[in-house]
Amino acid sequence: MSFEAILLWGLAFGAAIAAVLLAVALYGAPVSELARAAAEGRFADALAAARSSPPEERDDLLAAAIAAKHLGSWAEAEGWLRALLDGDGSDGEALVELGLVEVYRGRADDAEARLREAAVQRADLGESILLHRAFATLTRGDAASARRLFEEVEAPLETKLRIDVGGGEPAFAEWFLHAAALWRANGNLERAEWARRKAEQSAPESLLPSRVDELLRKRAG
């Protein structure tokens, strides 16, 4: 699958939320405030909505988990993802999100397992998953292996982020953030600083940048 196909997935927090928002645009179908807030990067609003009215639908479970992840509520994010996977254990987007939650919890080995599982279920997301695997490997302290993984996706990733995205889209915040960390580890400071700025611009409410810094400080220590 082309990188363009993966780009479309990222633009709306995964295929499920993209489908919901597309239905709203084309047919006027209802969309929950939770899903809308998460897609727009209003993570506090999305998490408040999820806490006040626990999600049950697949798209809302995913949106709630994404919001909780960005705000550092790992247990809540995992709970909603597990509920989603209880209904469909092959849900690739949910497996990716669970892998990301494991990364931020400092469980790089578990993150690698979930991301590999996601790649089996969703081969079309292979390049984005590889980026996240490279970042997880970096947090484990294996910079050489992280570099090799990142090199497989670095060139097309940079092209798409610079030309097709450019910042401002919440769905790409983690792409910029993980690329920034990997570029910095490889000594590409100009690219790292650019990507980090774009990550913060794309999702101003997200607490993930500070969590990434914390994980990498622990690795360096």
N, C-alpha and C. Protein backbone atom coordinates (compact mmCIF):
# COMPACT_ATOMS: atom_id res chain seq x y z
N MET A 1 0.86 -1.20 0.00
CA MET A 1 0.00 0.00 0.00
C MET A 1 0.89 1.24 0.00
N SER A 2 0.50 2.26 -0.74
CA SER A 2 1.30 3.47 -0.88
C SER A 2 1.31 4.28 0.41
N PHE A 3 2.29 5.16 0.48
CA PHE A 3 2.37 6.06 1.64
C PHE A 3 1.18 6.99 1.67
N GLU A 4 0.63 7.31 0.48
CA GLU A 4 -0.55 8.17 0.42
C GLU A 4 -1.73 7.54 1.14
N ALA A 5 -1.88 6.23 1.05
CA ALA A 5 -2.98 5.56 1.73
C ALA A 5 -2.83 5.67 3.23
N ILE A 6 -1.59 5.56 3.70
CA ILE A 6 -1.34 5.69 5.13
C ILE A 6 -1.60 7.13 5.58
N LEU A 7 -1.26 8.07 4.72
CA LEU A 7 -1.52 9.46 5.02
C LEU A 7 -3.00 9.70 5.29
N LEU A 8 -3.86 9.12 4.48
CA LEU A 8 -5.30 9.29 4.65
C LEU A 8 -5.77 8.74 5.99
N TRP A 9 -5.18 7.64 6.41
CA TRP A 9 -5.55 7.07 7.72
C TRP A 9 -5.21 8.05 8.84
N GLY A 10 -4.00 8.61 8.77
CA GLY A 10 -3.58 9.49 9.83
C GLY A 10 -4.40 10.75 9.93
N LEU A 11 -4.94 11.22 8.84
CA LEU A 11 -5.63 12.50 8.84
C LEU A 11 -6.85 12.55 9.74
N ALA A 12 -7.40 11.43 10.14
CA ALA A 12 -8.59 11.47 10.99
C ALA A 12 -8.54 10.48 12.12
N PHE A 13 -7.37 10.34 12.75
CA PHE A 13 -7.18 9.45 13.88
C PHE A 13 -7.63 8.03 13.55
N GLY A 14 -7.23 7.60 12.36
CA GLY A 14 -7.52 6.22 11.99
C GLY A 14 -8.74 6.12 11.10
N ALA A 15 -8.85 5.00 10.45
CA ALA A 15 -9.89 4.81 9.45
C ALA A 15 -11.29 4.94 10.02
N ALA A 16 -11.48 4.53 11.24
CA ALA A 16 -12.83 4.56 11.81
C ALA A 16 -13.33 5.99 11.99
N ILE A 17 -12.50 6.83 12.60
CA ILE A 17 -12.92 8.21 12.81
C ILE A 17 -13.03 8.93 11.48
N ALA A 18 -12.14 8.61 10.54
CA ALA A 18 -12.23 9.21 9.21
C ALA A 18 -13.56 8.89 8.57
N ALA A 19 -14.00 7.65 8.72
CA ALA A 19 -15.28 7.24 8.14
C ALA A 19 -16.43 8.01 8.77
N VAL A 20 -16.37 8.19 10.06
CA VAL A 20 -17.42 8.93 10.75
C VAL A 20 -17.50 10.37 10.25
N LEU A 21 -16.35 11.02 10.18
CA LEU A 21 -16.34 12.41 9.75
C LEU A 21 -16.74 12.55 8.28
N LEU A 22 -16.35 11.59 7.46
CA LEU A 22 -16.74 11.62 6.06
C LEU A 22 -18.26 11.49 5.94
N ALA A 23 -18.84 10.61 6.74
CA ALA A 23 -20.29 10.44 6.71
C ALA A 23 -21.00 11.72 7.10
N VAL A 24 -20.45 12.42 8.06
CA VAL A 24 -21.05 13.70 8.47
C VAL A 24 -21.01 14.69 7.31
N ALA A 25 -19.84 14.75 6.64
CA ALA A 25 -19.69 15.71 5.55
C ALA A 25 -20.61 15.40 4.37
N LEU A 26 -20.75 14.12 4.06
CA LEU A 26 -21.49 13.75 2.86
C LEU A 26 -22.99 13.58 3.10
N TYR A 27 -23.32 13.04 4.25
CA TYR A 27 -24.72 12.64 4.46
C TYR A 27 -25.38 13.31 5.65
N GLY A 28 -24.62 14.12 6.39
CA GLY A 28 -25.20 14.75 7.55
C GLY A 28 -25.44 13.78 8.69
N ALA A 29 -24.73 12.63 8.67
CA ALA A 29 -24.89 11.64 9.73
C ALA A 29 -24.39 12.22 11.05
N PRO A 30 -25.00 11.84 12.16
CA PRO A 30 -24.57 12.38 13.44
C PRO A 30 -23.19 11.87 13.85
N VAL A 31 -22.45 12.69 14.54
CA VAL A 31 -21.16 12.29 15.08
C VAL A 31 -21.13 12.76 16.53
N SER A 32 -20.57 11.97 17.38
CA SER A 32 -20.55 12.34 18.80
C SER A 32 -19.58 13.49 19.03
N GLU A 33 -19.87 14.24 20.07
CA GLU A 33 -18.96 15.32 20.46
C GLU A 33 -17.61 14.75 20.86
N LEU A 34 -17.63 13.57 21.45
CA LEU A 34 -16.38 12.92 21.84
C LEU A 34 -15.48 12.71 20.62
N ALA A 35 -16.02 12.09 19.57
CA ALA A 35 -15.23 11.81 18.37
C ALA A 35 -14.80 13.09 17.68
N ARG A 36 -15.69 14.07 17.62
CA ARG A 36 -15.35 15.33 16.98
C ARG A 36 -14.23 16.04 17.75
N ALA A 37 -14.35 16.08 19.07
CA ALA A 37 -13.34 16.77 19.88
C ALA A 37 -11.97 16.10 19.74
N ALA A 38 -11.95 14.78 19.76
CA ALA A 38 -10.67 14.07 19.61
C ALA A 38 -10.05 14.35 18.26
N ALA A 39 -10.85 14.32 17.20
CA ALA A 39 -10.34 14.55 15.85
C ALA A 39 -9.80 15.97 15.69
N GLU A 40 -10.35 16.91 16.44
CA GLU A 40 -9.93 18.31 16.35
C GLU A 40 -8.81 18.64 17.33
N GLY A 41 -8.37 17.65 18.11
CA GLY A 41 -7.30 17.90 19.06
C GLY A 41 -7.75 18.53 20.36
N ARG A 42 -9.05 18.55 20.61
CA ARG A 42 -9.58 19.08 21.88
C ARG A 42 -9.69 17.90 22.85
N PHE A 43 -8.53 17.48 23.33
CA PHE A 43 -8.46 16.24 24.09
C PHE A 43 -9.13 16.35 25.46
N ALA A 44 -9.04 17.51 26.09
CA ALA A 44 -9.68 17.68 27.39
C ALA A 44 -11.19 17.56 27.25
N ASP A 45 -11.74 18.17 26.21
CA ASP A 45 -13.18 18.07 25.97
C ASP A 45 -13.59 16.63 25.67
N ALA A 46 -12.79 15.95 24.87
CA ALA A 46 -13.10 14.57 24.51
C ALA A 46 -13.06 13.66 25.74
N LEU A 47 -12.04 13.86 26.57
CA LEU A 47 -11.92 13.02 27.76
C LEU A 47 -13.05 13.30 28.74
N ALA A 48 -13.43 14.57 28.88
CA ALA A 48 -14.55 14.91 29.76
C ALA A 48 -15.84 14.25 29.27
N ALA A 49 -16.05 14.25 27.95
CA ALA A 49 -17.24 13.63 27.40
C ALA A 49 -17.24 12.12 27.64
N ALA A 50 -16.08 11.50 27.51
CA ALA A 50 -15.99 10.05 27.73
C ALA A 50 -16.22 9.69 29.19
N ARG A 51 -15.73 10.53 30.07
CA ARG A 51 -15.90 10.25 31.50
C ARG A 51 -17.36 10.46 31.95
N SER A 52 -18.02 11.43 31.34
CA SER A 52 -19.40 11.71 31.75
C SER A 52 -20.39 10.72 31.14
N SER A 53 -20.06 10.18 29.98
CA SER A 53 -20.93 9.21 29.31
C SER A 53 -20.04 8.14 28.69
N PRO A 54 -19.73 7.08 29.45
CA PRO A 54 -18.78 6.06 29.00
C PRO A 54 -19.09 5.56 27.59
N PRO A 55 -18.11 5.58 26.70
CA PRO A 55 -18.34 5.17 25.31
C PRO A 55 -18.61 3.68 25.18
N GLU A 56 -19.40 3.35 24.19
CA GLU A 56 -19.69 1.96 23.88
C GLU A 56 -19.40 1.62 22.42
N GLU A 57 -19.64 2.60 21.54
CA GLU A 57 -19.41 2.36 20.12
C GLU A 57 -17.91 2.35 19.82
N ARG A 58 -17.56 1.61 18.79
CA ARG A 58 -16.15 1.43 18.43
C ARG A 58 -15.44 2.76 18.22
N ASP A 59 -16.02 3.64 17.43
CA ASP A 59 -15.37 4.91 17.12
C ASP A 59 -15.18 5.77 18.36
N ASP A 60 -16.16 5.76 19.24
CA ASP A 60 -16.05 6.55 20.46
C ASP A 60 -15.04 5.95 21.43
N LEU A 61 -14.95 4.64 21.48
CA LEU A 61 -13.92 4.00 22.32
C LEU A 61 -12.53 4.39 21.84
N LEU A 62 -12.34 4.38 20.52
CA LEU A 62 -11.04 4.75 19.98
C LEU A 62 -10.73 6.22 20.24
N ALA A 63 -11.72 7.08 20.04
CA ALA A 63 -11.53 8.50 20.28
C ALA A 63 -11.22 8.79 21.75
N ALA A 64 -11.92 8.12 22.65
CA ALA A 64 -11.67 8.31 24.08
C ALA A 64 -10.26 7.87 24.45
N ALA A 65 -9.82 6.75 23.88
CA ALA A 65 -8.48 6.25 24.17
C ALA A 65 -7.42 7.21 23.65
N ILE A 66 -7.63 7.76 22.48
CA ILE A 66 -6.66 8.71 21.91
C ILE A 66 -6.57 9.96 22.78
N ALA A 67 -7.71 10.48 23.21
CA ALA A 67 -7.70 11.65 24.07
C ALA A 67 -6.99 11.36 25.39
N ALA A 68 -7.30 10.23 26.00
CA ALA A 68 -6.66 9.87 27.26
C ALA A 68 -5.16 9.71 27.09
N LYS A 69 -4.75 9.11 25.98
CA LYS A 69 -3.31 8.94 25.70
C LYS A 69 -2.62 10.29 25.64
N HIS A 70 -3.19 11.23 24.91
CA HIS A 70 -2.55 12.54 24.76
C HIS A 70 -2.48 13.29 26.08
N LEU A 71 -3.37 12.98 27.00
CA LEU A 71 -3.36 13.66 28.29
C LEU A 71 -2.69 12.84 29.38
N GLY A 72 -2.04 11.74 28.99
CA GLY A 72 -1.25 10.96 29.94
C GLY A 72 -2.04 10.07 30.87
N SER A 73 -3.29 9.82 30.55
CA SER A 73 -4.11 8.93 31.37
C SER A 73 -4.02 7.52 30.78
N TRP A 74 -2.90 6.87 31.05
CA TRP A 74 -2.59 5.59 30.39
C TRP A 74 -3.60 4.50 30.74
N ALA A 75 -3.98 4.40 32.00
CA ALA A 75 -4.90 3.34 32.42
C ALA A 75 -6.25 3.49 31.73
N GLU A 76 -6.75 4.71 31.65
CA GLU A 76 -8.03 4.93 30.97
C GLU A 76 -7.92 4.57 29.49
N ALA A 77 -6.84 5.02 28.87
CA ALA A 77 -6.65 4.71 27.45
C ALA A 77 -6.61 3.21 27.21
N GLU A 78 -5.85 2.51 28.04
CA GLU A 78 -5.77 1.06 27.89
C GLU A 78 -7.12 0.40 28.10
N GLY A 79 -7.86 0.87 29.09
CA GLY A 79 -9.17 0.28 29.37
C GLY A 79 -10.11 0.38 28.18
N TRP A 80 -10.15 1.54 27.56
CA TRP A 80 -11.04 1.70 26.40
C TRP A 80 -10.55 0.88 25.20
N LEU A 81 -9.24 0.80 25.04
CA LEU A 81 -8.72 -0.01 23.93
C LEU A 81 -8.97 -1.50 24.16
N ARG A 82 -8.84 -1.94 25.39
CA ARG A 82 -9.12 -3.36 25.70
C ARG A 82 -10.60 -3.66 25.44
N ALA A 83 -11.46 -2.72 25.80
CA ALA A 83 -12.89 -2.93 25.55
C ALA A 83 -13.16 -3.04 24.06
N LEU A 84 -12.48 -2.21 23.28
CA LEU A 84 -12.65 -2.25 21.84
C LEU A 84 -12.14 -3.58 21.29
N LEU A 85 -10.97 -4.01 21.76
CA LEU A 85 -10.38 -5.25 21.27
C LEU A 85 -11.13 -6.48 21.75
N ASP A 86 -11.83 -6.36 22.85
CA ASP A 86 -12.68 -7.49 23.28
C ASP A 86 -13.75 -7.77 22.23
N GLY A 87 -14.18 -6.71 21.55
CA GLY A 87 -15.18 -6.88 20.50
C GLY A 87 -14.58 -7.32 19.18
N ASP A 88 -13.35 -6.92 18.94
CA ASP A 88 -12.66 -7.29 17.69
C ASP A 88 -11.17 -7.27 17.93
N GLY A 89 -10.62 -8.43 18.21
CA GLY A 89 -9.19 -8.53 18.54
C GLY A 89 -8.27 -8.25 17.37
N SER A 90 -8.83 -8.13 16.16
CA SER A 90 -8.00 -7.87 14.99
C SER A 90 -8.05 -6.41 14.56
N ASP A 91 -8.59 -5.56 15.39
CA ASP A 91 -8.70 -4.14 15.03
C ASP A 91 -7.31 -3.51 15.00
N GLY A 92 -6.82 -3.24 13.80
CA GLY A 92 -5.45 -2.75 13.66
C GLY A 92 -5.21 -1.40 14.29
N GLU A 93 -6.16 -0.46 14.14
CA GLU A 93 -5.97 0.86 14.74
C GLU A 93 -5.90 0.78 16.25
N ALA A 94 -6.74 -0.06 16.84
CA ALA A 94 -6.71 -0.20 18.29
C ALA A 94 -5.40 -0.80 18.75
N LEU A 95 -4.87 -1.75 17.99
CA LEU A 95 -3.58 -2.36 18.35
C LEU A 95 -2.44 -1.34 18.25
N VAL A 96 -2.50 -0.49 17.23
CA VAL A 96 -1.49 0.57 17.14
C VAL A 96 -1.57 1.48 18.35
N GLU A 97 -2.78 1.91 18.70
CA GLU A 97 -2.94 2.81 19.84
C GLU A 97 -2.49 2.15 21.14
N LEU A 98 -2.79 0.86 21.29
CA LEU A 98 -2.35 0.16 22.49
C LEU A 98 -0.83 0.09 22.53
N GLY A 99 -0.21 -0.14 21.37
CA GLY A 99 1.24 -0.13 21.32
C GLY A 99 1.82 1.21 21.72
N LEU A 100 1.19 2.29 21.27
CA LEU A 100 1.67 3.62 21.63
C LEU A 100 1.53 3.88 23.13
N VAL A 101 0.42 3.46 23.69
CA VAL A 101 0.24 3.61 25.14
C VAL A 101 1.33 2.86 25.89
N GLU A 102 1.67 1.66 25.43
CA GLU A 102 2.73 0.89 26.08
C GLU A 102 4.08 1.61 25.97
N VAL A 103 4.33 2.25 24.83
CA VAL A 103 5.57 3.02 24.70
C VAL A 103 5.64 4.09 25.77
N TYR A 104 4.57 4.86 25.90
CA TYR A 104 4.59 5.98 26.83
C TYR A 104 4.61 5.52 28.29
N ARG A 105 4.20 4.32 28.54
CA ARG A 105 4.29 3.77 29.89
C ARG A 105 5.68 3.20 30.18
N GLY A 106 6.55 3.26 29.20
CA GLY A 106 7.90 2.75 29.39
C GLY A 106 8.03 1.26 29.18
N ARG A 107 7.08 0.66 28.48
CA ARG A 107 7.07 -0.78 28.25
C ARG A 107 7.37 -1.05 26.78
N ALA A 108 8.62 -0.80 26.41
CA ALA A 108 8.99 -0.87 24.99
C ALA A 108 8.81 -2.26 24.40
N ASP A 109 9.09 -3.30 25.18
CA ASP A 109 8.94 -4.66 24.65
C ASP A 109 7.48 -4.99 24.37
N ASP A 110 6.59 -4.60 25.28
CA ASP A 110 5.16 -4.81 25.05
C ASP A 110 4.68 -3.98 23.86
N ALA A 111 5.22 -2.76 23.74
CA ALA A 111 4.84 -1.91 22.61
C ALA A 111 5.24 -2.56 21.30
N GLU A 112 6.44 -3.12 21.25
CA GLU A 112 6.90 -3.78 20.03
C GLU A 112 5.98 -4.94 19.66
N ALA A 113 5.56 -5.71 20.64
CA ALA A 113 4.67 -6.84 20.38
C ALA A 113 3.33 -6.37 19.81
N ARG A 114 2.77 -5.32 20.41
CA ARG A 114 1.47 -4.83 19.93
C ARG A 114 1.59 -4.23 18.53
N LEU A 115 2.67 -3.51 18.27
CA LEU A 115 2.84 -2.89 16.96
C LEU A 115 3.08 -3.93 15.87
N ARG A 116 3.82 -4.99 16.20
CA ARG A 116 4.00 -6.07 15.23
C ARG A 116 2.67 -6.76 14.95
N GLU A 117 1.88 -6.94 15.98
CA GLU A 117 0.56 -7.55 15.81
C GLU A 117 -0.32 -6.67 14.92
N ALA A 118 -0.23 -5.37 15.13
CA ALA A 118 -1.00 -4.44 14.31
C ALA A 118 -0.58 -4.52 12.85
N ALA A 119 0.72 -4.67 12.61
CA ALA A 119 1.22 -4.73 11.24
C ALA A 119 0.69 -5.97 10.52
N VAL A 120 0.50 -7.05 11.25
CA VAL A 120 -0.06 -8.25 10.64
C VAL A 120 -1.51 -8.01 10.22
N GLN A 121 -2.25 -7.32 11.07
CA GLN A 121 -3.65 -7.06 10.80
C GLN A 121 -3.85 -5.98 9.75
N ARG A 122 -2.96 -5.02 9.71
CA ARG A 122 -3.12 -3.87 8.81
C ARG A 122 -1.80 -3.60 8.10
N ALA A 123 -1.51 -4.39 7.09
CA ALA A 123 -0.27 -4.21 6.33
C ALA A 123 -0.22 -2.83 5.68
N ASP A 124 -1.38 -2.24 5.40
CA ASP A 124 -1.41 -0.92 4.78
C ASP A 124 -0.92 0.18 5.71
N LEU A 125 -0.81 -0.11 6.98
CA LEU A 125 -0.28 0.87 7.94
C LEU A 125 1.18 0.60 8.27
N GLY A 126 1.82 -0.23 7.45
CA GLY A 126 3.16 -0.71 7.76
C GLY A 126 4.18 0.38 7.98
N GLU A 127 4.16 1.44 7.16
CA GLU A 127 5.20 2.46 7.28
C GLU A 127 5.02 3.31 8.55
N SER A 128 3.78 3.65 8.85
CA SER A 128 3.56 4.42 10.08
C SER A 128 3.90 3.58 11.31
N ILE A 129 3.56 2.30 11.26
CA ILE A 129 3.89 1.40 12.37
C ILE A 129 5.40 1.30 12.54
N LEU A 130 6.12 1.28 11.42
CA LEU A 130 7.58 1.19 11.48
C LEU A 130 8.17 2.42 12.17
N LEU A 131 7.61 3.59 11.90
CA LEU A 131 8.05 4.80 12.59
C LEU A 131 7.88 4.65 14.09
N HIS A 132 6.72 4.17 14.52
CA HIS A 132 6.46 4.02 15.95
C HIS A 132 7.35 2.94 16.56
N ARG A 133 7.62 1.88 15.81
CA ARG A 133 8.53 0.84 16.30
C ARG A 133 9.93 1.39 16.49
N ALA A 134 10.37 2.23 15.55
CA ALA A 134 11.69 2.83 15.67
C ALA A 134 11.77 3.68 16.93
N PHE A 135 10.71 4.45 17.20
CA PHE A 135 10.71 5.28 18.41
C PHE A 135 10.71 4.40 19.66
N ALA A 136 9.90 3.34 19.67
CA ALA A 136 9.87 2.44 20.82
C ALA A 136 11.25 1.84 21.06
N THR A 137 11.92 1.47 20.00
CA THR A 137 13.27 0.91 20.11
C THR A 137 14.23 1.93 20.69
N LEU A 138 14.08 3.19 20.29
CA LEU A 138 14.92 4.25 20.83
C LEU A 138 14.71 4.40 22.33
N THR A 139 13.47 4.33 22.78
CA THR A 139 13.20 4.47 24.23
C THR A 139 13.77 3.31 25.02
N ARG A 140 14.00 2.18 24.34
CA ARG A 140 14.61 1.02 25.01
C ARG A 140 16.11 1.17 25.12
N GLY A 141 16.67 2.17 24.44
CA GLY A 141 18.10 2.43 24.52
C GLY A 141 18.91 1.84 23.39
N ASP A 142 18.26 1.29 22.39
CA ASP A 142 18.96 0.68 21.26
C ASP A 142 18.93 1.65 20.08
N ALA A 143 19.81 2.64 20.11
CA ALA A 143 19.82 3.68 19.09
C ALA A 143 20.18 3.14 17.72
N ALA A 144 21.07 2.15 17.66
CA ALA A 144 21.49 1.62 16.36
C ALA A 144 20.33 0.92 15.66
N SER A 145 19.58 0.11 16.39
CA SER A 145 18.43 -0.57 15.78
C SER A 145 17.33 0.42 15.43
N ALA A 146 17.14 1.43 16.27
CA ALA A 146 16.15 2.46 15.98
C ALA A 146 16.50 3.19 14.70
N ARG A 147 17.79 3.47 14.52
CA ARG A 147 18.22 4.16 13.30
C ARG A 147 17.93 3.31 12.07
N ARG A 148 18.22 2.03 12.14
CA ARG A 148 17.99 1.15 10.98
C ARG A 148 16.50 1.10 10.63
N LEU A 149 15.65 1.00 11.62
CA LEU A 149 14.21 0.99 11.36
C LEU A 149 13.75 2.32 10.76
N PHE A 150 14.22 3.40 11.32
CA PHE A 150 13.80 4.72 10.86
C PHE A 150 14.25 4.98 9.43
N GLU A 151 15.42 4.50 9.07
CA GLU A 151 15.93 4.71 7.72
C GLU A 151 15.01 4.13 6.66
N GLU A 152 14.24 3.11 7.02
CA GLU A 152 13.34 2.49 6.04
C GLU A 152 12.17 3.39 5.66
N VAL A 153 11.86 4.34 6.52
CA VAL A 153 10.69 5.20 6.27
C VAL A 153 11.03 6.68 6.25
N GLU A 154 12.26 7.04 6.57
CA GLU A 154 12.63 8.43 6.78
C GLU A 154 12.37 9.33 5.57
N ALA A 155 12.83 8.93 4.39
CA ALA A 155 12.72 9.80 3.22
C ALA A 155 11.27 10.08 2.82
N PRO A 156 10.43 9.05 2.62
CA PRO A 156 9.03 9.35 2.27
C PRO A 156 8.29 10.06 3.40
N LEU A 157 8.64 9.74 4.64
CA LEU A 157 7.99 10.40 5.76
C LEU A 157 8.27 11.89 5.75
N GLU A 158 9.53 12.28 5.58
CA GLU A 158 9.87 13.70 5.59
C GLU A 158 9.18 14.43 4.45
N THR A 159 9.15 13.81 3.28
CA THR A 159 8.50 14.43 2.12
C THR A 159 7.03 14.71 2.41
N LYS A 160 6.34 13.70 2.93
CA LYS A 160 4.91 13.87 3.21
C LYS A 160 4.66 14.89 4.31
N LEU A 161 5.47 14.87 5.37
CA LEU A 161 5.26 15.80 6.46
C LEU A 161 5.52 17.24 6.03
N ARG A 162 6.51 17.43 5.19
CA ARG A 162 6.85 18.79 4.76
C ARG A 162 5.89 19.31 3.70
N ILE A 163 5.51 18.46 2.77
CA ILE A 163 4.75 18.92 1.61
C ILE A 163 3.24 18.76 1.80
N ASP A 164 2.82 17.59 2.28
CA ASP A 164 1.38 17.29 2.32
C ASP A 164 0.72 17.65 3.65
N VAL A 165 1.51 17.72 4.70
CA VAL A 165 0.92 17.97 6.02
C VAL A 165 1.26 19.38 6.49
N GLY A 166 2.53 19.61 6.77
CA GLY A 166 2.97 20.94 7.12
C GLY A 166 2.63 21.41 8.52
N GLY A 167 2.03 20.56 9.32
CA GLY A 167 1.67 20.96 10.68
C GLY A 167 0.23 21.42 10.78
N GLY A 168 -0.29 21.38 11.98
CA GLY A 168 -1.64 21.84 12.22
C GLY A 168 -2.69 20.75 12.25
N GLU A 169 -2.33 19.51 11.91
CA GLU A 169 -3.28 18.41 11.92
C GLU A 169 -3.01 17.52 13.13
N PRO A 170 -3.93 17.45 14.10
CA PRO A 170 -3.69 16.67 15.32
C PRO A 170 -3.31 15.22 15.06
N ALA A 171 -3.85 14.62 14.01
CA ALA A 171 -3.58 13.21 13.75
C ALA A 171 -2.11 12.94 13.47
N PHE A 172 -1.37 13.98 13.07
CA PHE A 172 0.04 13.79 12.74
C PHE A 172 0.99 14.22 13.84
N ALA A 173 0.48 14.65 14.96
CA ALA A 173 1.35 15.14 16.03
C ALA A 173 2.39 14.11 16.43
N GLU A 174 1.97 12.86 16.58
CA GLU A 174 2.93 11.83 17.02
C GLU A 174 3.92 11.48 15.92
N TRP A 175 3.53 11.59 14.67
CA TRP A 175 4.49 11.37 13.58
C TRP A 175 5.62 12.39 13.69
N PHE A 176 5.25 13.67 13.81
CA PHE A 176 6.26 14.70 13.97
C PHE A 176 7.09 14.46 15.24
N LEU A 177 6.41 14.12 16.32
CA LEU A 177 7.08 13.96 17.61
C LEU A 177 8.09 12.82 17.59
N HIS A 178 7.69 11.69 17.05
CA HIS A 178 8.60 10.54 17.00
C HIS A 178 9.74 10.77 16.01
N ALA A 179 9.42 11.39 14.88
CA ALA A 179 10.47 11.72 13.92
C ALA A 179 11.48 12.68 14.54
N ALA A 180 11.00 13.65 15.31
CA ALA A 180 11.89 14.61 15.96
C ALA A 180 12.87 13.90 16.89
N ALA A 181 12.34 12.97 17.68
CA ALA A 181 13.20 12.24 18.62
C ALA A 181 14.25 11.42 17.88
N LEU A 182 13.84 10.78 16.80
CA LEU A 182 14.77 9.95 16.03
C LEU A 182 15.81 10.79 15.31
N TRP A 183 15.40 11.91 14.74
CA TRP A 183 16.36 12.80 14.09
C TRP A 183 17.36 13.35 15.10
N ARG A 184 16.88 13.72 16.27
CA ARG A 184 17.79 14.23 17.29
C ARG A 184 18.80 13.17 17.71
N ALA A 185 18.32 11.95 17.87
CA ALA A 185 19.22 10.87 18.26
C ALA A 185 20.28 10.60 17.19
N ASN A 186 19.92 10.88 15.92
CA ASN A 186 20.84 10.66 14.82
C ASN A 186 21.70 11.89 14.51
N GLY A 187 21.54 12.95 15.31
CA GLY A 187 22.36 14.14 15.13
C GLY A 187 21.83 15.13 14.11
N ASN A 188 20.61 14.92 13.61
CA ASN A 188 20.00 15.83 12.64
C ASN A 188 19.18 16.88 13.38
N LEU A 189 19.89 17.83 13.99
CA LEU A 189 19.23 18.75 14.92
C LEU A 189 18.28 19.72 14.23
N GLU A 190 18.60 20.15 13.02
CA GLU A 190 17.70 21.08 12.33
C GLU A 190 16.37 20.41 12.03
N ARG A 191 16.41 19.18 11.51
CA ARG A 191 15.17 18.46 11.25
C ARG A 191 14.43 18.18 12.55
N ALA A 192 15.18 17.83 13.59
CA ALA A 192 14.56 17.52 14.88
C ALA A 192 13.81 18.72 15.43
N GLU A 193 14.41 19.88 15.38
CA GLU A 193 13.77 21.07 15.92
C GLU A 193 12.54 21.46 15.11
N TRP A 194 12.63 21.33 13.79
CA TRP A 194 11.48 21.61 12.93
C TRP A 194 10.32 20.67 13.26
N ALA A 195 10.61 19.37 13.33
CA ALA A 195 9.55 18.39 13.59
C ALA A 195 8.95 18.58 14.98
N ARG A 196 9.77 18.92 15.95
CA ARG A 196 9.24 19.12 17.30
C ARG A 196 8.29 20.32 17.34
N ARG A 197 8.65 21.40 16.65
CA ARG A 197 7.75 22.56 16.60
C ARG A 197 6.42 22.18 15.96
N LYS A 198 6.49 21.41 14.88
CA LYS A 198 5.27 21.01 14.19
C LYS A 198 4.42 20.09 15.07
N ALA A 199 5.06 19.24 15.83
CA ALA A 199 4.31 18.36 16.74
C ALA A 199 3.52 19.18 17.75
N GLU A 200 4.17 20.17 18.31
CA GLU A 200 3.50 20.99 19.33
C GLU A 200 2.41 21.87 18.71
N GLN A 201 2.64 22.35 17.49
CA GLN A 201 1.62 23.15 16.80
C GLN A 201 0.41 22.30 16.42
N SER A 202 0.66 21.04 16.08
CA SER A 202 -0.41 20.17 15.61
C SER A 202 -1.37 19.77 16.72
N ALA A 203 -0.86 19.66 17.94
CA ALA A 203 -1.70 19.23 19.06
C ALA A 203 -1.29 19.99 20.31
N PRO A 204 -1.68 21.26 20.41
CA PRO A 204 -1.24 22.09 21.53
C PRO A 204 -1.64 21.55 22.91
N GLU A 205 -2.74 20.81 22.98
CA GLU A 205 -3.19 20.30 24.28
C GLU A 205 -2.45 19.04 24.71
N SER A 206 -1.73 18.41 23.79
CA SER A 206 -1.11 17.13 24.08
C SER A 206 0.02 17.26 25.10
N LEU A 207 0.07 16.31 26.02
CA LEU A 207 1.15 16.24 27.00
C LEU A 207 2.24 15.26 26.55
N LEU A 208 2.11 14.72 25.36
CA LEU A 208 3.07 13.71 24.91
C LEU A 208 4.47 14.26 24.70
N PRO A 209 4.66 15.50 24.24
CA PRO A 209 6.04 15.98 24.12
C PRO A 209 6.83 15.90 25.41
N SER A 210 6.22 16.29 26.52
CA SER A 210 6.94 16.21 27.79
C SER A 210 7.19 14.77 28.20
N ARG A 211 6.27 13.87 27.87
CA ARG A 211 6.47 12.45 28.19
C ARG A 211 7.60 11.87 27.36
N VAL A 212 7.68 12.24 26.09
CA VAL A 212 8.79 11.79 25.25
C VAL A 212 10.11 12.27 25.83
N ASP A 213 10.18 13.51 26.24
CA ASP A 213 11.40 14.04 26.84
C ASP A 213 11.79 13.25 28.07
N GLU A 214 10.81 12.92 28.88
CA GLU A 214 11.08 12.16 30.11
C GLU A 214 11.61 10.77 29.79
N LEU A 215 11.00 10.10 28.82
CA LEU A 215 11.46 8.76 28.45
C LEU A 215 12.90 8.79 27.93
N LEU A 216 13.21 9.79 27.12
CA LEU A 216 14.54 9.85 26.53
C LEU A 216 15.59 10.29 27.55
N ARG A 217 15.21 11.09 28.52
CA ARG A 217 16.15 11.43 29.61
C ARG A 217 16.50 10.18 30.39
N LYS A 218 15.50 9.33 30.66
CA LYS A 218 15.77 8.09 31.38
C LYS A 218 16.71 7.20 30.59
N ARG A 219 16.51 7.16 29.26
CA ARG A 219 17.38 6.35 28.42
C ARG A 219 18.81 6.87 28.48
N ALA A 220 18.95 8.20 28.41
CA ALA A 220 20.28 8.80 28.43
C ALA A 220 20.97 8.58 29.76
N GLY A 221 20.15 8.55 30.83
CA GLY A 221 20.72 8.36 32.16
C GLY A 221 21.14 6.95 32.44
